[in-house]
Structures are given as C-alpha cells and as structure tokens.
Amino acid sequence: MIEIGNRVKLLKTCDPYTDLEKNEYIGTVYDINHVNFDGGFTQIWCKWDNGHNFAIIPECDDIYEVIT
C-alpha cells in the first residue's frame, strides 16, 4: 500500500507531456486523494527530484514502483 513519505519511481504514464525517455521521475509522495466523480480515481501527488510536481493516477494506466 502506498503511503505519504514513500519514495517512488514512475515507470509508465499516460500523460503526453511527461517524457520518461528524457527525464527520470523519482520522488516523494506528499498527498493521496481519492476522487469520487467521473468513475472514481486516485491521485498520488509527488514532488519529483527533477523539480516537477504532479500526480500519478493508477487508473489511467500510470505505473510506479515504491523504492523505499
């Protein structure tokens, strides 16, 4: 189970603006939201080591690995 404070690595994303080939996305989870509209989904908000700040959405086929 993912928790606030976990370190994660983003392996795959459906976000067309996130280029995993040019940037490595390893960061720290700082918030987890469960959204109940539009079929329901989870937002796992991360502060990425490369300075970016955005959420992983597992229901949108984003794939991540907990590394610590």
C-alpha atoms as a PDB file:
ATOM      1  CA  MET A   1       0.000   0.000   0.000  1.00  0.00           C
ATOM      2  CA  ILE A   2       1.337   3.414  -0.978  1.00  0.00           C
ATOM      3  CA  GLU A   3       1.780   5.908   1.870  1.00  0.00           C
ATOM      4  CA  ILE A   4       2.736   9.543   2.268  1.00  0.00           C
ATOM      5  CA  GLY A   5       6.519   9.740   2.558  1.00  0.00           C
ATOM      6  CA  ASN A   6       7.181   6.764   0.268  1.00  0.00           C
ATOM      7  CA  ARG A   7       9.815   7.200  -2.411  1.00  0.00           C
ATOM      8  CA  VAL A   8       8.543   6.140  -5.832  1.00  0.00           C
ATOM      9  CA  LYS A   9       9.803   5.790  -9.386  1.00  0.00           C
ATOM     10  CA  LEU A  10       7.430   6.466 -12.291  1.00  0.00           C
ATOM     11  CA  LEU A  11       7.776   3.659 -14.853  1.00  0.00           C
ATOM     12  CA  LYS A  12       4.944   4.477 -17.286  1.00  0.00           C
ATOM     13  CA  THR A  13       2.462   7.326 -17.681  1.00  0.00           C
ATOM     14  CA  CYS A  14      -0.427   8.237 -19.947  1.00  0.00           C
ATOM     15  CA  ASP A  15       0.461  11.948 -19.630  1.00  0.00           C
ATOM     16  CA  PRO A  16       1.633  13.113 -23.086  1.00  0.00           C
ATOM     17  CA  TYR A  17       3.728  15.932 -21.547  1.00  0.00           C
ATOM     18  CA  THR A  18       5.833  13.673 -19.337  1.00  0.00           C
ATOM     19  CA  ASP A  19       8.849  12.357 -21.242  1.00  0.00           C
ATOM     20  CA  LEU A  20      10.238   9.343 -19.407  1.00  0.00           C
ATOM     21  CA  GLU A  21      12.952   8.905 -22.053  1.00  0.00           C
ATOM     22  CA  LYS A  22      14.494  12.319 -21.316  1.00  0.00           C
ATOM     23  CA  ASN A  23      13.795  12.557 -17.575  1.00  0.00           C
ATOM     24  CA  GLU A  24      13.873  10.096 -14.720  1.00  0.00           C
ATOM     25  CA  TYR A  25      10.979  10.567 -12.323  1.00  0.00           C
ATOM     26  CA  ILE A  26      11.880   9.567  -8.763  1.00  0.00           C
ATOM     27  CA  GLY A  27      10.194  11.459  -5.963  1.00  0.00           C
ATOM     28  CA  THR A  28       8.415  11.548  -2.641  1.00  0.00           C
ATOM     29  CA  VAL A  29       4.673  11.084  -2.122  1.00  0.00           C
ATOM     30  CA  TYR A  30       3.215  14.062  -0.238  1.00  0.00           C
ATOM     31  CA  ASP A  31      -0.555  13.588  -0.642  1.00  0.00           C
ATOM     32  CA  ILE A  32      -3.033  10.899  -1.715  1.00  0.00           C
ATOM     33  CA  ASN A  33      -6.555  11.831  -2.835  1.00  0.00           C
ATOM     34  CA  HIS A  34      -9.466   9.580  -3.704  1.00  0.00           C
ATOM     35  CA  VAL A  35     -11.748  11.380  -6.162  1.00  0.00           C
ATOM     36  CA  ASN A  36     -15.338  10.138  -6.296  1.00  0.00           C
ATOM     37  CA  PHE A  37     -16.599  11.672  -9.555  1.00  0.00           C
ATOM     38  CA  ASP A  38     -16.064  10.547 -13.154  1.00  0.00           C
ATOM     39  CA  GLY A  39     -15.991   6.880 -12.177  1.00  0.00           C
ATOM     40  CA  GLY A  40     -13.613   7.443  -9.266  1.00  0.00           C
ATOM     41  CA  PHE A  41      -9.831   7.529  -9.310  1.00  0.00           C
ATOM     42  CA  THR A  42      -6.803   8.045  -7.069  1.00  0.00           C
ATOM     43  CA  GLN A  43      -4.269  10.870  -7.271  1.00  0.00           C
ATOM     44  CA  ILE A  44      -0.854  10.134  -5.762  1.00  0.00           C
ATOM     45  CA  TRP A  45       0.837  13.538  -5.561  1.00  0.00           C
ATOM     46  CA  CYS A  46       4.627  13.545  -5.749  1.00  0.00           C
ATOM     47  CA  LYS A  47       7.415  16.066  -5.517  1.00  0.00           C
ATOM     48  CA  TRP A  48       9.835  14.767  -8.121  1.00  0.00           C
ATOM     49  CA  ASP A  49      13.592  15.067  -7.626  1.00  0.00           C
ATOM     50  CA  ASN A  50      13.874  16.781 -11.028  1.00  0.00           C
ATOM     51  CA  GLY A  51      11.749  19.705  -9.756  1.00  0.00           C
ATOM     52  CA  HIS A  52       8.422  18.692 -11.282  1.00  0.00           C
ATOM     53  CA  ASN A  53       5.278  18.307  -9.205  1.00  0.00           C
ATOM     54  CA  PHE A  54       2.347  16.213 -10.462  1.00  0.00           C
ATOM     55  CA  ALA A  55       0.162  13.252  -9.548  1.00  0.00           C
ATOM     56  CA  ILE A  56       0.350   9.608 -10.529  1.00  0.00           C
ATOM     57  CA  ILE A  57      -3.094   8.267 -11.491  1.00  0.00           C
ATOM     58  CA  PRO A  58      -3.034   4.450 -11.409  1.00  0.00           C
ATOM     59  CA  GLU A  59      -6.495   4.171 -13.010  1.00  0.00           C
ATOM     60  CA  CYS A  60      -5.105   5.989 -16.060  1.00  0.00           C
ATOM     61  CA  ASP A  61      -2.523   3.200 -16.522  1.00  0.00           C
ATOM     62  CA  ASP A  62       0.280   5.115 -14.758  1.00  0.00           C
ATOM     63  CA  ILE A  63       2.716   2.525 -13.394  1.00  0.00           C
ATOM     64  CA  TYR A  64       5.039   3.219 -10.468  1.00  0.00           C
ATOM     65  CA  GLU A  65       7.360   1.327  -8.161  1.00  0.00           C
ATOM     66  CA  VAL A  66       7.772   2.022  -4.443  1.00  0.00           C
ATOM     67  CA  ILE A  67      11.529   2.169  -3.846  1.00  0.00           C
ATOM     68  CA  THR A  68      11.625   2.892  -0.078  1.00  0.00           C
END
